[in-house]
Amino acid sequence: MRAAFLAANPRCHECGAHATHVDHTIPVSSRPDLLMDVDNWRPHCATCSARQGARIANSRRNSGNSKRPSARPDPYSPDVL
């Protein structure tokens, strides 16, 4: 399915370079039901895909909505005491 999508959409959505990655318009973290919906896919080159991934990670980090919880709670946190 991915290969057929890239064959039909060979250029990066952002820069027009050769697309090798598929990105989701609406993030799967927000709408897991759209994971395999090709209408929610965008072709990306490796550079733009990495840039988009970094942008999402930075926005989660800055908003405090990181999906990865810390391995162990801070023992000095008021919530733990």
N, C-alpha and C. Protein backbone atom coordinates (compact mmCIF):
# COMPACT_ATOMS: atom_id res chain seq x y z
N MET A 1 0.83 -1.19 0.00
CA MET A 1 0.00 0.00 0.00
C MET A 1 0.88 1.26 0.00
N ARG A 2 1.91 1.26 0.88
CA ARG A 2 2.81 2.40 0.96
C ARG A 2 3.56 2.59 -0.36
N ALA A 3 4.06 1.47 -0.92
CA ALA A 3 4.81 1.54 -2.19
C ALA A 3 3.93 2.05 -3.31
N ALA A 4 2.68 1.61 -3.37
CA ALA A 4 1.75 2.08 -4.40
C ALA A 4 1.47 3.58 -4.22
N PHE A 5 1.34 4.02 -2.97
CA PHE A 5 1.10 5.44 -2.71
C PHE A 5 2.29 6.28 -3.19
N LEU A 6 3.51 5.84 -2.87
CA LEU A 6 4.70 6.58 -3.28
C LEU A 6 4.89 6.53 -4.80
N ALA A 7 4.50 5.45 -5.44
CA ALA A 7 4.59 5.37 -6.90
C ALA A 7 3.63 6.37 -7.55
N ALA A 8 2.46 6.53 -6.96
CA ALA A 8 1.47 7.47 -7.48
C ALA A 8 1.77 8.92 -7.07
N ASN A 9 2.55 9.10 -6.00
CA ASN A 9 2.89 10.42 -5.47
C ASN A 9 4.40 10.49 -5.26
N PRO A 10 5.18 10.58 -6.33
CA PRO A 10 6.64 10.43 -6.21
C PRO A 10 7.39 11.67 -5.69
N ARG A 11 6.71 12.78 -5.54
CA ARG A 11 7.38 14.02 -5.13
C ARG A 11 6.98 14.44 -3.72
N CYS A 12 7.95 14.96 -2.98
CA CYS A 12 7.73 15.42 -1.61
C CYS A 12 6.68 16.53 -1.57
N HIS A 13 5.77 16.42 -0.63
CA HIS A 13 4.71 17.41 -0.42
C HIS A 13 5.29 18.78 -0.07
N GLU A 14 6.44 18.81 0.61
CA GLU A 14 7.04 20.06 1.08
C GLU A 14 7.96 20.70 0.05
N CYS A 15 8.91 19.93 -0.50
CA CYS A 15 9.97 20.54 -1.32
C CYS A 15 10.02 20.06 -2.77
N GLY A 16 9.28 19.00 -3.09
CA GLY A 16 9.27 18.50 -4.46
C GLY A 16 10.36 17.49 -4.78
N ALA A 17 11.21 17.17 -3.82
CA ALA A 17 12.26 16.16 -4.04
C ALA A 17 11.63 14.77 -4.13
N HIS A 18 12.44 13.79 -4.44
CA HIS A 18 11.96 12.40 -4.53
C HIS A 18 11.45 11.94 -3.16
N ALA A 19 10.20 11.51 -3.11
CA ALA A 19 9.58 11.08 -1.85
C ALA A 19 9.94 9.63 -1.53
N THR A 20 10.32 9.41 -0.27
CA THR A 20 10.66 8.07 0.19
C THR A 20 9.91 7.71 1.48
N HIS A 21 9.20 8.67 2.05
CA HIS A 21 8.49 8.47 3.31
C HIS A 21 7.03 8.89 3.15
N VAL A 22 6.19 8.34 3.98
CA VAL A 22 4.78 8.72 4.03
C VAL A 22 4.49 9.31 5.41
N ASP A 23 3.90 10.48 5.43
CA ASP A 23 3.56 11.16 6.68
C ASP A 23 2.05 11.27 6.75
N HIS A 24 1.53 11.50 7.94
CA HIS A 24 0.09 11.66 8.13
C HIS A 24 -0.25 13.14 8.28
N THR A 25 -1.27 13.60 7.58
CA THR A 25 -1.72 14.98 7.69
C THR A 25 -2.22 15.24 9.10
N ILE A 26 -3.12 14.39 9.56
CA ILE A 26 -3.61 14.44 10.94
C ILE A 26 -2.82 13.37 11.69
N PRO A 27 -2.09 13.75 12.74
CA PRO A 27 -1.25 12.77 13.44
C PRO A 27 -2.04 11.56 13.95
N VAL A 28 -1.42 10.40 13.83
CA VAL A 28 -2.04 9.16 14.29
C VAL A 28 -2.25 9.20 15.80
N SER A 29 -1.41 9.94 16.51
CA SER A 29 -1.60 10.05 17.96
C SER A 29 -2.93 10.72 18.30
N SER A 30 -3.41 11.59 17.40
CA SER A 30 -4.71 12.24 17.61
C SER A 30 -5.87 11.41 17.07
N ARG A 31 -5.62 10.74 15.93
CA ARG A 31 -6.67 9.97 15.27
C ARG A 31 -6.14 8.63 14.80
N PRO A 32 -5.99 7.65 15.69
CA PRO A 32 -5.46 6.34 15.29
C PRO A 32 -6.29 5.65 14.22
N ASP A 33 -7.55 6.01 14.12
CA ASP A 33 -8.41 5.39 13.10
C ASP A 33 -8.00 5.80 11.68
N LEU A 34 -7.18 6.84 11.53
CA LEU A 34 -6.77 7.30 10.21
C LEU A 34 -5.40 6.75 9.79
N LEU A 35 -4.87 5.79 10.54
CA LEU A 35 -3.56 5.23 10.24
C LEU A 35 -3.44 4.76 8.80
N MET A 36 -4.38 4.00 8.32
CA MET A 36 -4.31 3.43 6.98
C MET A 36 -5.18 4.16 5.96
N ASP A 37 -5.67 5.35 6.30
CA ASP A 37 -6.50 6.14 5.40
C ASP A 37 -5.59 6.93 4.47
N VAL A 38 -5.53 6.53 3.18
CA VAL A 38 -4.61 7.18 2.24
C VAL A 38 -4.95 8.66 2.03
N ASP A 39 -6.17 9.06 2.32
CA ASP A 39 -6.52 10.48 2.23
C ASP A 39 -5.84 11.30 3.33
N ASN A 40 -5.29 10.63 4.33
CA ASN A 40 -4.59 11.29 5.41
C ASN A 40 -3.06 11.18 5.24
N TRP A 41 -2.60 10.67 4.11
CA TRP A 41 -1.17 10.49 3.86
C TRP A 41 -0.61 11.62 3.02
N ARG A 42 0.69 11.94 3.24
CA ARG A 42 1.43 12.90 2.42
C ARG A 42 2.79 12.30 2.10
N PRO A 43 3.25 12.44 0.85
CA PRO A 43 4.59 11.96 0.52
C PRO A 43 5.65 12.95 1.01
N HIS A 44 6.75 12.44 1.55
CA HIS A 44 7.85 13.29 2.02
C HIS A 44 9.18 12.68 1.61
N CYS A 45 10.18 13.54 1.39
CA CYS A 45 11.56 13.07 1.23
C CYS A 45 12.11 12.81 2.64
N ALA A 46 13.26 12.18 2.72
CA ALA A 46 13.84 11.85 4.03
C ALA A 46 14.11 13.10 4.86
N THR A 47 14.59 14.17 4.22
CA THR A 47 14.92 15.40 4.94
C THR A 47 13.68 16.05 5.53
N CYS A 48 12.64 16.20 4.73
CA CYS A 48 11.41 16.84 5.23
C CYS A 48 10.71 15.97 6.26
N SER A 49 10.79 14.65 6.11
CA SER A 49 10.20 13.75 7.10
C SER A 49 10.90 13.90 8.44
N ALA A 50 12.23 13.97 8.43
CA ALA A 50 12.99 14.15 9.67
C ALA A 50 12.68 15.52 10.29
N ARG A 51 12.58 16.53 9.46
CA ARG A 51 12.28 17.88 9.96
C ARG A 51 10.90 17.90 10.60
N GLN A 52 9.92 17.25 9.98
CA GLN A 52 8.57 17.21 10.53
C GLN A 52 8.56 16.44 11.85
N GLY A 53 9.28 15.33 11.93
CA GLY A 53 9.36 14.56 13.16
C GLY A 53 9.98 15.37 14.29
N ALA A 54 11.01 16.13 13.98
CA ALA A 54 11.66 16.97 14.99
C ALA A 54 10.72 18.07 15.45
N ARG A 55 9.96 18.64 14.53
CA ARG A 55 9.01 19.69 14.89
C ARG A 55 7.95 19.17 15.86
N ILE A 56 7.44 17.98 15.58
CA ILE A 56 6.42 17.38 16.45
C ILE A 56 7.01 17.08 17.83
N ALA A 57 8.20 16.50 17.86
CA ALA A 57 8.84 16.18 19.14
C ALA A 57 9.09 17.45 19.96
N ASN A 58 9.56 18.51 19.30
CA ASN A 58 9.80 19.77 20.00
C ASN A 58 8.52 20.39 20.53
N SER A 59 7.45 20.32 19.75
CA SER A 59 6.19 20.92 20.21
C SER A 59 5.63 20.13 21.41
N ARG A 60 5.80 18.81 21.40
CA ARG A 60 5.36 18.00 22.56
C ARG A 60 6.20 18.33 23.78
N ARG A 61 7.50 18.44 23.58
CA ARG A 61 8.40 18.73 24.69
C ARG A 61 8.09 20.10 25.29
N ASN A 62 7.83 21.09 24.44
CA ASN A 62 7.57 22.44 24.91
C ASN A 62 6.18 22.60 25.53
N SER A 63 5.24 21.76 25.13
CA SER A 63 3.88 21.88 25.66
C SER A 63 3.67 20.99 26.88
N GLY A 64 4.63 20.13 27.18
CA GLY A 64 4.49 19.24 28.32
C GLY A 64 3.63 18.03 28.02
N ASN A 65 3.35 17.77 26.74
CA ASN A 65 2.51 16.64 26.36
C ASN A 65 3.32 15.49 25.79
N SER A 66 4.48 15.25 26.34
CA SER A 66 5.31 14.16 25.86
C SER A 66 4.60 12.83 26.09
N LYS A 67 4.66 11.96 25.10
CA LYS A 67 4.01 10.65 25.21
C LYS A 67 4.84 9.69 26.05
N ARG A 68 6.10 10.00 26.26
CA ARG A 68 6.98 9.10 27.00
C ARG A 68 7.11 9.55 28.45
N PRO A 69 6.54 8.81 29.37
CA PRO A 69 6.70 9.19 30.78
C PRO A 69 8.12 8.90 31.24
N SER A 70 8.54 9.59 32.27
CA SER A 70 9.88 9.33 32.79
C SER A 70 9.92 7.91 33.36
N ALA A 71 11.10 7.33 33.37
CA ALA A 71 11.25 5.95 33.80
C ALA A 71 10.86 5.77 35.27
N ARG A 72 11.17 6.73 36.09
CA ARG A 72 10.79 6.64 37.50
C ARG A 72 10.45 8.04 38.00
N PRO A 73 9.58 8.13 38.97
CA PRO A 73 9.18 9.45 39.46
C PRO A 73 10.32 10.13 40.21
N ASP A 74 10.28 11.43 40.22
CA ASP A 74 11.27 12.23 40.96
C ASP A 74 10.99 12.05 42.45
N PRO A 75 11.94 11.50 43.22
CA PRO A 75 11.69 11.26 44.64
C PRO A 75 11.49 12.54 45.46
N TYR A 76 11.89 13.66 44.90
CA TYR A 76 11.76 14.94 45.61
C TYR A 76 10.52 15.72 45.18
N SER A 77 9.74 15.13 44.31
CA SER A 77 8.52 15.79 43.85
C SER A 77 7.50 15.85 44.98
N PRO A 78 6.75 16.97 45.12
CA PRO A 78 5.73 17.05 46.17
C PRO A 78 4.66 15.97 46.02
N ASP A 79 4.45 15.48 44.79
CA ASP A 79 3.45 14.45 44.57
C ASP A 79 3.85 13.12 45.19
N VAL A 80 5.15 12.88 45.28
CA VAL A 80 5.66 11.61 45.81
C VAL A 80 5.74 11.64 47.33
N LEU A 81 6.04 12.81 47.87
CA LEU A 81 6.19 12.94 49.33
C LEU A 81 4.91 12.86 50.04
